[in-house]
Amino acid sequence: MAEVIRIAEPPADTVSQALPQNVEAEAALLGALMIDNRLVEDVQLKLKPDHFFEPLHGRIYEAILRMTDANRVANPVTLRPIFDGDDAMKQVGGPAYLAQLTGSGAAVIGARDFAAQIYDLALLRALIGVGRDLVEGALDTSEEIAPLQQIEKAETQLYKVAEEGGSAGKAKSFAEATKDALEMAERALNSGGHLSGFTTGLDALNSKIGGLHKSDLIIVAGRPGMGKSALGTNMAFAAARRFMSDAEAGIEPEKSAGAAAVLFSLEMSADQLATRILSEQSGITSENLRTGRISQHEFRDLARAAAELQSLPLYIDDTPGLTIAALRTRARRLKRQKNIGVIVVDYLQLLQGTGRNGSENRVQEISEISRGLKQLAKELDVPVIGLSQLSRAVEQREDKRPQLSDLRESGSIEQDADIVLFIYREDYYLKATEVEMPTPEEASSNLDKVGKYEEWKAKYDQAAGRAEVIVAKQRHGSTGIVRVRFDGRTTKFSDAADDDYLPQMRD
């Protein structure tokens, strides 16, 4: 049976309910704070002036905070000059009202309970405000209204209310912090001594950065054609596959070196990404998959690879033109519904800021986007991998290896990132300067051309299939170069097999 959508009745204007509030509790708390200023330390981290229902009470509370922060005594006498000209104070009897608030010394005992109730009631009022905005927006049927944007806006507002009601801002004891550190060290020990986060799928890179760590923003940058989308896809796939294999082995999810992953692909469609992943796993080139130039044996390999990946916890969102706010809303929803543990964004220059005229100041817009991705990583406690383009300055240098200054359009990307990885493939640039192979006639008469070709061929053969992942910034460790292999046919990065490709350290 088709699901019936219930149309909400418009609220009756004649029905009006009082907002949740307790002015008496507010008055009692303010009196307690003026009697014993030490109580301010217990409530000021969570309770803000705008949490008070009565605006005058909010201003009194704010004045108490300012005075105690300045190491001055806050009582009815010292606060009186601040409120001599306050119109709202005059309506309740003038500054003498401050002395009335301290009339009951018993309020000191219940100060923390009063603060908790004031805070909870403020959350309820915020929730009512979100509901009212949602109803008013849903009743507006003008052409400019976009229902899906209203839903995303409501989700964002609800998340803010929920986030404020959480334990954000609470200081951890050293015991709690060391417990988290020991759990991370235990995971690294169990993985063989090099993986404390989620796997990247590359052992050499895991050894260098310790894997993908929660709350980190990892920027993977490169010029077009270097393979940054391929590396981002490889990382998401490796984390999801490791999570699936660990679950099959009976390993608890919180101890797994993998995680469910989501790819926000603003450049490629979901089916293109799926084709790329199937190409990597089956060894059949993407081009042959698209054109159908495969044998029956290859098709069986393809079907087997597809069957193995049916339950892979990897999700793809290929919605074009996402704003950073919409992406964060979708990521929170996936975290709640699918328990996503790794987020990949391909790529951040295709995201849009929240401002209407963001294109007029692209630097500020990119700053907002990179800051938003870092905040998302901390909010959801997951690693966020943001792919980024590099400026053309790379092409102007003799040494094409990227530098931090090449990050396109904003230095804030470098500032916000916990790890910056650059991809460099020498064979890409050598291919662009390919020397034409001399004909037999030229080979016998033009030794100079033969020499140039052989020199180019030797360099290209040496570089073919090799790539460098340059760790240009890492908050948790040293920088350096990790040498890996890259299969251009299947766009797959893999660990290098010989000793020449061990991680290289540099200062």
Protein backbone atom coordinates (compact mmCIF):
# COMPACT_ATOMS: atom_id res chain seq x y z
CA MET A 1 0.00 0.00 0.00
CA ALA A 2 1.33 3.43 -0.90
CA GLU A 3 2.38 5.60 2.02
CA VAL A 4 -0.18 8.28 2.85
CA ILE A 5 1.29 11.76 3.34
CA ARG A 6 -0.61 13.59 6.06
CA ILE A 7 -1.17 17.27 5.37
CA ALA A 8 -0.72 19.28 8.56
CA GLU A 9 -3.58 21.57 9.55
CA PRO A 10 -2.55 25.23 9.79
CA PRO A 11 -2.21 26.37 13.41
CA ALA A 12 -5.21 28.22 14.78
CA ASP A 13 -4.41 31.85 15.47
CA THR A 14 -6.72 31.84 18.48
CA VAL A 15 -4.72 29.13 20.25
CA SER A 16 -1.65 30.48 21.95
CA GLN A 17 0.50 28.58 24.40
CA ALA A 18 3.03 30.18 26.75
CA LEU A 19 6.64 29.37 26.00
CA PRO A 20 8.43 27.12 28.51
CA GLN A 21 10.05 29.34 31.14
CA ASN A 22 10.63 29.75 34.87
CA VAL A 23 11.29 33.38 35.72
CA GLU A 24 11.36 32.55 39.44
CA ALA A 25 14.25 30.11 38.89
CA GLU A 26 16.10 32.80 36.93
CA ALA A 27 15.63 35.31 39.76
CA ALA A 28 16.75 32.74 42.35
CA LEU A 29 19.89 31.88 40.37
CA LEU A 30 20.88 35.54 39.92
CA GLY A 31 20.42 36.10 43.66
CA ALA A 32 22.60 33.08 44.44
CA LEU A 33 25.35 34.27 42.08
CA MET A 34 25.41 37.71 43.69
CA ILE A 35 25.57 36.16 47.16
CA ASP A 36 28.40 33.77 46.25
CA ASN A 37 30.39 34.75 43.15
CA ARG A 38 32.24 31.42 43.23
CA LEU A 39 29.11 29.76 41.84
CA VAL A 40 29.74 31.54 38.52
CA GLU A 41 32.51 29.03 37.77
CA ASP A 42 29.97 26.19 37.96
CA VAL A 43 27.47 27.62 35.49
CA GLN A 44 29.18 30.01 33.07
CA LEU A 45 30.56 27.36 30.66
CA LYS A 46 27.09 26.05 29.84
CA LEU A 47 24.68 28.88 30.65
CA LYS A 48 24.70 31.96 28.40
CA PRO A 49 22.86 35.28 28.79
CA ASP A 50 20.47 34.48 25.92
CA HIS A 51 19.29 31.33 27.75
CA PHE A 52 17.28 33.55 30.14
CA PHE A 53 13.63 34.05 29.20
CA GLU A 54 13.44 37.49 30.85
CA PRO A 55 15.77 39.87 28.90
CA LEU A 56 16.53 41.90 32.03
CA HIS A 57 17.70 38.75 33.79
CA GLY A 58 19.96 37.97 30.84
CA ARG A 59 21.55 41.44 31.07
CA ILE A 60 22.07 41.08 34.82
CA TYR A 61 23.69 37.68 34.32
CA GLU A 62 25.95 39.11 31.60
CA ALA A 63 27.01 41.95 33.92
CA ILE A 64 27.83 39.44 36.67
CA LEU A 65 30.00 37.45 34.24
CA ARG A 66 31.88 40.57 33.11
CA MET A 67 32.64 41.67 36.65
CA THR A 68 33.75 38.25 37.88
CA ASP A 69 35.92 37.81 34.79
CA ALA A 70 37.63 41.07 35.77
CA ASN A 71 38.17 39.70 39.31
CA ARG A 72 35.73 42.22 40.76
CA VAL A 73 32.97 41.51 43.25
CA ALA A 74 29.50 41.31 41.65
CA ASN A 75 26.75 42.22 44.13
CA PRO A 76 23.74 44.60 44.22
CA VAL A 77 25.98 47.52 45.23
CA THR A 78 28.63 47.10 42.50
CA LEU A 79 26.03 46.30 39.82
CA ARG A 80 23.77 49.28 40.64
CA PRO A 81 25.58 51.89 38.46
CA ILE A 82 25.27 49.63 35.40
CA PHE A 83 21.46 49.55 35.63
CA ASP A 84 20.70 53.11 36.79
CA GLY A 85 19.42 54.05 33.32
CA ASP A 86 17.89 50.70 32.36
CA ASP A 87 14.22 51.18 31.41
CA ALA A 88 13.26 47.57 32.17
CA MET A 89 14.87 47.88 35.61
CA LYS A 90 12.82 51.04 36.31
CA GLN A 91 9.62 49.11 35.58
CA VAL A 92 10.40 46.60 38.37
CA GLY A 93 11.33 49.21 40.96
CA GLY A 94 14.75 50.39 39.87
CA PRO A 95 18.17 49.11 41.02
CA ALA A 96 16.59 48.11 44.34
CA TYR A 97 15.38 45.04 42.41
CA LEU A 98 18.96 43.70 42.55
CA ALA A 99 18.81 43.63 46.36
CA GLN A 100 15.42 41.88 46.22
CA LEU A 101 16.98 39.07 44.16
CA THR A 102 19.35 38.26 47.03
CA GLY A 103 16.52 38.08 49.55
CA SER A 104 16.59 34.29 49.85
CA GLY A 105 19.97 32.90 50.84
CA ALA A 106 18.54 29.39 50.54
CA ALA A 107 18.76 29.75 46.74
CA VAL A 108 22.54 29.23 46.99
CA ILE A 109 21.99 25.55 47.76
CA GLY A 110 19.96 24.91 44.60
CA ALA A 111 21.89 27.19 42.23
CA ARG A 112 23.17 24.39 40.01
CA ASP A 113 19.68 22.90 39.70
CA PHE A 114 18.25 26.31 38.77
CA ALA A 115 20.92 26.74 36.09
CA ALA A 116 20.19 23.29 34.64
CA GLN A 117 16.46 24.01 34.46
CA ILE A 118 16.99 27.44 32.83
CA TYR A 119 19.22 25.81 30.24
CA ASP A 120 16.77 22.97 29.49
CA LEU A 121 13.87 25.40 29.11
CA ALA A 122 15.96 27.52 26.71
CA LEU A 123 16.54 24.42 24.55
CA LEU A 124 12.80 23.75 24.49
CA ARG A 125 12.13 27.33 23.37
CA ALA A 126 14.77 26.95 20.64
CA LEU A 127 13.06 23.75 19.52
CA ILE A 128 9.71 25.53 19.37
CA GLY A 129 11.34 28.28 17.29
CA VAL A 130 12.62 25.73 14.77
CA GLY A 131 9.15 24.17 14.59
CA ARG A 132 7.48 27.52 13.99
CA ASP A 133 9.94 28.43 11.24
CA LEU A 134 9.33 25.04 9.64
CA VAL A 135 5.54 25.47 9.73
CA GLU A 136 5.67 29.04 8.40
CA GLY A 137 8.03 27.98 5.60
CA ALA A 138 5.84 25.00 4.68
CA LEU A 139 2.76 27.24 4.45
CA ASP A 140 4.57 29.61 2.06
CA THR A 141 3.77 28.39 -1.48
CA SER A 142 5.45 31.20 -3.45
CA GLU A 143 7.57 30.25 -6.45
CA GLU A 144 10.85 31.19 -4.74
CA ILE A 145 10.40 28.52 -2.06
CA ALA A 146 12.37 25.28 -2.48
CA PRO A 147 11.00 22.53 -0.16
CA LEU A 148 14.21 20.48 -0.13
CA GLN A 149 16.21 23.53 0.93
CA GLN A 150 13.71 24.12 3.73
CA ILE A 151 14.18 20.54 4.94
CA GLU A 152 17.98 20.93 4.90
CA LYS A 153 17.69 24.23 6.76
CA ALA A 154 15.43 22.67 9.39
CA GLU A 155 17.83 19.74 9.83
CA THR A 156 20.72 22.16 10.30
CA GLN A 157 18.78 24.15 12.91
CA LEU A 158 17.72 20.99 14.74
CA TYR A 159 21.30 19.74 14.77
CA LYS A 160 22.44 23.05 16.29
CA VAL A 161 19.88 22.67 19.07
CA ALA A 162 20.94 19.05 19.65
CA GLU A 163 24.62 20.00 19.52
CA GLU A 164 24.11 22.74 22.10
CA GLY A 165 22.36 20.25 24.33
CA GLY A 166 25.29 17.85 24.21
CA SER A 167 28.47 17.83 26.26
CA ALA A 168 30.33 20.21 23.93
CA GLY A 169 32.85 22.33 25.79
CA LYS A 170 33.25 19.89 28.65
CA ALA A 171 36.87 19.53 29.73
CA LYS A 172 38.24 15.99 29.82
CA SER A 173 40.15 14.79 32.83
CA PHE A 174 43.67 13.55 32.21
CA ALA A 175 42.45 10.03 32.99
CA GLU A 176 39.86 10.26 30.18
CA ALA A 177 42.42 11.67 27.75
CA THR A 178 44.98 8.94 28.53
CA LYS A 179 42.29 6.27 28.11
CA ASP A 180 41.64 7.51 24.55
CA ALA A 181 45.38 7.61 23.85
CA LEU A 182 45.87 4.05 25.14
CA GLU A 183 43.00 2.76 22.98
CA MET A 184 44.64 4.35 19.94
CA ALA A 185 48.01 2.80 20.84
CA GLU A 186 46.34 -0.60 21.36
CA ARG A 187 44.82 -0.43 17.87
CA ALA A 188 48.25 0.39 16.41
CA LEU A 189 49.81 -2.54 18.31
CA ASN A 190 47.15 -5.00 17.16
CA SER A 191 47.59 -3.91 13.54
CA GLY A 192 51.30 -4.71 13.56
CA GLY A 193 52.63 -1.48 15.00
CA HIS A 194 51.80 1.14 12.37
CA LEU A 195 48.03 1.71 12.13
CA SER A 196 46.33 3.70 14.90
CA GLY A 197 43.49 5.08 12.74
CA PHE A 198 41.49 3.69 9.84
CA THR A 199 43.43 2.12 7.00
CA THR A 200 44.24 4.07 3.83
CA GLY A 201 44.66 0.82 1.91
CA LEU A 202 48.40 1.52 1.49
CA ASP A 203 50.74 -0.03 4.07
CA ALA A 204 53.53 2.43 3.31
CA LEU A 205 51.22 5.43 3.82
CA ASN A 206 49.74 3.87 6.98
CA SER A 207 53.28 3.55 8.35
CA LYS A 208 53.95 7.21 7.65
CA ILE A 209 50.77 8.84 8.97
CA GLY A 210 49.33 6.07 11.17
CA GLY A 211 46.14 5.83 9.11
CA LEU A 212 43.13 8.14 9.01
CA HIS A 213 42.47 9.61 12.44
CA LYS A 214 39.14 10.74 13.83
CA SER A 215 38.40 14.48 13.75
CA ASP A 216 41.23 15.07 11.24
CA LEU A 217 40.91 17.00 7.98
CA ILE A 218 43.13 15.33 5.38
CA ILE A 219 43.70 17.28 2.17
CA VAL A 220 44.73 15.25 -0.91
CA ALA A 221 45.88 17.65 -3.62
CA GLY A 222 47.29 17.38 -7.11
CA ARG A 223 47.17 18.80 -10.60
CA PRO A 224 44.52 17.39 -13.01
CA GLY A 225 45.46 13.90 -14.15
CA MET A 226 47.62 13.07 -11.12
CA GLY A 227 45.04 10.67 -9.66
CA LYS A 228 43.69 12.49 -6.59
CA SER A 229 40.14 11.23 -7.23
CA ALA A 230 41.55 7.72 -7.61
CA LEU A 231 43.43 7.96 -4.30
CA GLY A 232 40.38 9.35 -2.49
CA THR A 233 38.22 6.54 -3.89
CA ASN A 234 40.90 3.97 -2.98
CA MET A 235 40.96 5.23 0.62
CA ALA A 236 37.16 5.17 1.01
CA PHE A 237 36.96 1.69 -0.52
CA ALA A 238 39.82 0.35 1.63
CA ALA A 239 38.22 1.63 4.86
CA ALA A 240 34.81 0.18 3.95
CA ARG A 241 36.25 -3.18 2.87
CA ARG A 242 38.39 -3.49 6.01
CA PHE A 243 35.31 -2.74 8.14
CA MET A 244 33.36 -5.46 6.31
CA SER A 245 36.16 -8.05 6.64
CA ASP A 246 36.72 -7.21 10.33
CA ALA A 247 32.98 -7.66 10.98
CA GLU A 248 33.09 -11.07 9.26
CA ALA A 249 36.07 -11.99 11.48
CA GLY A 250 34.08 -11.11 14.60
CA ILE A 251 36.02 -7.95 15.45
CA GLU A 252 33.96 -5.33 17.32
CA PRO A 253 33.18 -2.22 15.23
CA GLU A 254 34.93 0.15 17.65
CA LYS A 255 38.14 -1.93 17.38
CA SER A 256 38.06 -2.22 13.60
CA ALA A 257 40.75 -0.60 11.44
CA GLY A 258 38.03 0.20 8.91
CA ALA A 259 34.77 2.16 8.83
CA ALA A 260 31.68 2.73 6.72
CA ALA A 261 32.50 5.47 4.22
CA VAL A 262 30.71 8.03 2.06
CA LEU A 263 31.95 9.68 -1.12
CA PHE A 264 30.55 13.10 -1.95
CA SER A 265 31.35 13.24 -5.66
CA LEU A 266 30.66 16.64 -7.19
CA GLU A 267 32.54 15.79 -10.38
CA MET A 268 31.77 12.15 -11.25
CA SER A 269 28.42 10.33 -11.19
CA ALA A 270 27.72 7.38 -8.90
CA ASP A 271 27.79 4.88 -11.76
CA GLN A 272 31.15 6.23 -12.98
CA LEU A 273 32.61 5.75 -9.52
CA ALA A 274 31.11 2.27 -9.25
CA THR A 275 32.66 1.41 -12.64
CA ARG A 276 36.03 2.67 -11.41
CA ILE A 277 35.85 0.55 -8.25
CA LEU A 278 34.80 -2.55 -10.19
CA SER A 279 37.69 -1.91 -12.59
CA GLU A 280 40.14 -1.78 -9.68
CA GLN A 281 38.86 -5.00 -8.17
CA SER A 282 38.45 -7.03 -11.36
CA GLY A 283 41.58 -5.77 -13.15
CA ILE A 284 39.53 -4.85 -16.25
CA THR A 285 40.07 -1.33 -17.55
CA SER A 286 37.24 1.18 -17.15
CA GLU A 287 37.33 1.83 -20.89
CA ASN A 288 36.75 -1.87 -21.69
CA LEU A 289 33.96 -2.03 -19.12
CA ARG A 290 32.16 0.93 -20.69
CA THR A 291 32.56 -0.31 -24.26
CA GLY A 292 31.86 -3.96 -23.47
CA ARG A 293 35.17 -5.20 -24.87
CA ILE A 294 35.53 -8.03 -22.39
CA SER A 295 35.66 -11.82 -22.70
CA GLN A 296 33.34 -14.30 -20.99
CA HIS A 297 36.13 -15.11 -18.53
CA GLU A 298 36.57 -11.41 -17.69
CA PHE A 299 32.81 -11.01 -17.30
CA ARG A 300 32.80 -13.87 -14.75
CA ASP A 301 35.60 -12.10 -12.85
CA LEU A 302 33.56 -8.91 -12.99
CA ALA A 303 30.40 -10.63 -11.72
CA ARG A 304 32.35 -12.23 -8.88
CA ALA A 305 33.86 -8.88 -7.85
CA ALA A 306 30.40 -7.25 -7.95
CA ALA A 307 28.91 -10.04 -5.81
CA GLU A 308 31.66 -9.67 -3.20
CA LEU A 309 30.97 -5.95 -2.92
CA GLN A 310 27.16 -6.17 -2.59
CA SER A 311 27.24 -5.57 1.17
CA LEU A 312 30.13 -3.08 1.12
CA PRO A 313 29.34 -0.18 3.51
CA LEU A 314 30.33 2.45 0.94
CA TYR A 315 27.84 5.16 -0.01
CA ILE A 316 28.00 7.64 -2.89
CA ASP A 317 26.29 11.04 -3.03
CA ASP A 318 26.73 12.56 -6.50
CA THR A 319 24.47 15.58 -6.02
CA PRO A 320 26.01 18.47 -8.02
CA GLY A 321 26.43 22.03 -6.77
CA LEU A 322 26.28 21.27 -3.04
CA THR A 323 26.86 24.07 -0.57
CA ILE A 324 29.06 23.39 2.44
CA ALA A 325 25.96 23.72 4.66
CA ALA A 326 24.02 21.14 2.62
CA LEU A 327 26.99 18.75 2.62
CA ARG A 328 27.28 18.98 6.40
CA THR A 329 23.54 18.32 6.75
CA ARG A 330 23.77 15.22 4.54
CA ALA A 331 26.87 13.98 6.36
CA ARG A 332 25.16 14.30 9.75
CA ARG A 333 22.17 12.38 8.42
CA LEU A 334 24.41 9.57 7.12
CA LYS A 335 26.28 9.49 10.43
CA ARG A 336 22.98 9.06 12.23
CA GLN A 337 21.48 6.53 9.81
CA LYS A 338 24.52 4.53 8.58
CA ASN A 339 27.13 5.30 11.27
CA ILE A 340 29.54 6.70 8.67
CA GLY A 341 33.17 6.72 9.86
CA VAL A 342 35.05 8.18 6.85
CA ILE A 343 34.00 11.07 4.58
CA VAL A 344 35.58 11.88 1.19
CA VAL A 345 34.75 15.10 -0.68
CA ASP A 346 35.71 15.23 -4.39
CA TYR A 347 36.57 18.02 -4.67
CA LEU A 348 36.32 21.09 -2.46
CA GLN A 349 36.67 23.73 -5.23
CA LEU A 350 33.33 22.45 -6.59
CA LEU A 351 31.59 23.13 -3.28
CA GLN A 352 29.80 26.43 -2.80
CA GLY A 353 29.81 28.72 0.21
CA THR A 354 26.66 29.90 1.95
CA GLY A 355 26.92 33.54 0.79
CA ARG A 356 24.87 34.71 -2.17
CA ASN A 357 27.82 36.56 -3.68
CA GLY A 358 30.47 33.98 -2.83
CA SER A 359 31.88 34.00 -6.37
CA GLU A 360 32.88 37.65 -5.92
CA ASN A 361 35.41 36.67 -3.25
CA ARG A 362 36.52 33.12 -3.97
CA VAL A 363 39.30 33.22 -1.36
CA GLN A 364 36.81 33.88 1.45
CA GLU A 365 34.47 31.21 0.06
CA ILE A 366 37.22 28.56 0.00
CA SER A 367 38.18 29.60 3.54
CA GLU A 368 34.58 29.04 4.64
CA ILE A 369 34.54 25.63 2.93
CA SER A 370 37.82 24.38 4.42
CA ARG A 371 36.81 25.63 7.86
CA GLY A 372 33.42 23.94 7.46
CA LEU A 373 35.06 20.60 6.57
CA LYS A 374 37.31 20.81 9.63
CA GLN A 375 34.33 21.61 11.86
CA LEU A 376 32.46 18.66 10.33
CA ALA A 377 35.38 16.34 11.15
CA LYS A 378 35.31 17.47 14.78
CA GLU A 379 31.50 17.47 15.11
CA LEU A 380 31.08 13.92 13.81
CA ASP A 381 34.46 12.69 15.16
CA VAL A 382 35.42 11.18 11.78
CA PRO A 383 38.30 11.74 9.34
CA VAL A 384 37.27 13.98 6.44
CA ILE A 385 39.32 13.65 3.24
CA GLY A 386 39.01 16.73 1.04
CA LEU A 387 40.40 16.53 -2.48
CA SER A 388 41.79 19.79 -3.82
CA GLN A 389 43.11 21.26 -7.05
CA LEU A 390 46.55 22.89 -7.18
CA SER A 391 47.39 26.17 -8.87
CA ARG A 392 49.15 26.31 -12.26
CA ALA A 393 52.30 27.55 -10.53
CA VAL A 394 53.43 23.92 -10.45
CA GLU A 395 53.71 23.86 -14.24
CA GLN A 396 55.99 26.90 -14.30
CA ARG A 397 58.74 25.23 -12.24
CA GLU A 398 61.40 22.83 -13.46
CA ASP A 399 60.72 20.56 -10.47
CA LYS A 400 57.01 19.76 -10.75
CA ARG A 401 56.71 18.38 -7.21
CA PRO A 402 53.93 20.36 -5.44
CA GLN A 403 54.51 22.64 -2.47
CA LEU A 404 52.14 23.94 0.19
CA SER A 405 52.11 27.34 -1.51
CA ASP A 406 50.51 25.67 -4.57
CA LEU A 407 47.24 24.98 -2.75
CA ARG A 408 44.73 26.78 -4.89
CA GLU A 409 42.90 29.99 -3.93
CA SER A 410 43.42 30.02 -0.18
CA GLY A 411 46.09 29.56 2.47
CA SER A 412 43.29 28.59 4.86
CA ILE A 413 43.28 25.07 3.35
CA GLU A 414 46.83 24.58 4.63
CA GLN A 415 45.92 26.16 7.98
CA ASP A 416 42.77 24.08 8.58
CA ALA A 417 44.22 20.75 7.42
CA ASP A 418 45.78 18.31 9.88
CA ILE A 419 47.48 16.41 7.05
CA VAL A 420 48.27 17.58 3.51
CA LEU A 421 49.11 14.92 0.91
CA PHE A 422 50.33 15.76 -2.59
CA ILE A 423 50.33 13.30 -5.50
CA TYR A 424 53.22 13.47 -7.95
CA ARG A 425 53.76 11.20 -10.96
CA GLU A 426 56.86 11.88 -13.01
CA ASP A 427 55.66 9.63 -15.84
CA TYR A 428 52.71 12.01 -16.41
CA TYR A 429 55.06 14.90 -17.21
CA LEU A 430 57.47 12.71 -19.18
CA LYS A 431 54.58 11.48 -21.30
CA ALA A 432 53.75 15.09 -22.13
CA THR A 433 57.30 15.63 -23.45
CA GLU A 434 57.48 12.36 -25.35
CA VAL A 435 60.25 12.17 -27.97
CA GLU A 436 59.21 10.59 -31.24
CA MET A 437 60.84 7.25 -32.00
CA PRO A 438 63.20 7.59 -35.00
CA THR A 439 62.47 5.60 -38.14
CA PRO A 440 65.05 3.00 -39.33
CA GLU A 441 66.33 5.51 -41.89
CA GLU A 442 66.71 8.21 -39.20
CA ALA A 443 68.36 5.75 -36.84
CA SER A 444 71.21 5.21 -39.29
CA SER A 445 71.71 8.84 -40.21
CA ASN A 446 70.63 10.94 -37.20
CA LEU A 447 72.45 9.70 -34.12
CA ASP A 448 71.47 12.83 -32.16
CA LYS A 449 67.76 12.03 -32.50
CA VAL A 450 68.40 8.40 -31.51
CA GLY A 451 70.27 9.54 -28.42
CA LYS A 452 67.47 11.90 -27.33
CA TYR A 453 64.86 9.20 -27.81
CA GLU A 454 66.85 6.60 -25.89
CA GLU A 455 67.46 9.08 -23.06
CA TRP A 456 63.75 9.90 -22.85
CA LYS A 457 62.79 6.19 -23.10
CA ALA A 458 65.15 5.24 -20.26
CA LYS A 459 63.68 7.96 -18.01
CA TYR A 460 60.10 7.02 -18.88
CA ASP A 461 60.66 3.28 -18.32
CA GLN A 462 62.19 4.11 -14.93
CA ALA A 463 59.24 6.33 -13.92
CA ALA A 464 56.35 4.38 -15.49
CA GLY A 465 53.83 3.14 -12.96
CA ARG A 466 55.55 4.90 -10.07
CA ALA A 467 54.03 7.64 -7.97
CA GLU A 468 54.90 9.69 -4.91
CA VAL A 469 52.51 10.59 -2.12
CA ILE A 470 54.19 13.60 -0.54
CA VAL A 471 53.29 14.19 3.13
CA ALA A 472 53.75 17.98 3.08
CA LYS A 473 52.12 18.65 6.46
CA GLN A 474 51.31 16.42 9.41
CA ARG A 475 50.34 17.60 12.87
CA HIS A 476 50.99 14.15 14.35
CA GLY A 477 54.41 13.38 12.87
CA SER A 478 57.10 14.12 10.31
CA THR A 479 56.76 15.03 6.67
CA GLY A 480 58.30 13.00 3.86
CA ILE A 481 57.71 11.03 0.67
CA VAL A 482 55.90 7.70 0.37
CA ARG A 483 56.61 5.91 -2.90
CA VAL A 484 53.78 3.78 -4.31
CA ARG A 485 52.67 2.22 -7.60
CA PHE A 486 49.89 3.55 -9.82
CA ASP A 487 48.10 1.47 -12.45
CA GLY A 488 46.72 3.96 -14.95
CA ARG A 489 44.60 1.27 -16.63
CA THR A 490 42.50 0.66 -13.54
CA THR A 491 43.31 3.93 -11.67
CA LYS A 492 44.52 1.97 -8.66
CA PHE A 493 47.22 2.92 -6.18
CA SER A 494 49.08 0.06 -4.47
CA ASP A 495 52.15 -0.53 -2.36
CA ALA A 496 55.47 -0.75 -4.18
CA ALA A 497 57.09 -4.17 -4.13
CA ASP A 498 60.80 -3.41 -4.03
CA ASP A 499 63.12 -1.84 -1.47
CA ASP A 500 63.43 1.37 -3.48
CA TYR A 501 59.85 2.24 -2.47
CA LEU A 502 60.16 2.17 1.30
CA PRO A 503 58.94 5.38 2.97
CA GLN A 504 61.58 8.11 2.61
CA MET A 505 62.10 10.47 5.53
CA ARG A 506 63.10 14.09 5.26
CA ASP A 507 63.31 17.02 7.65
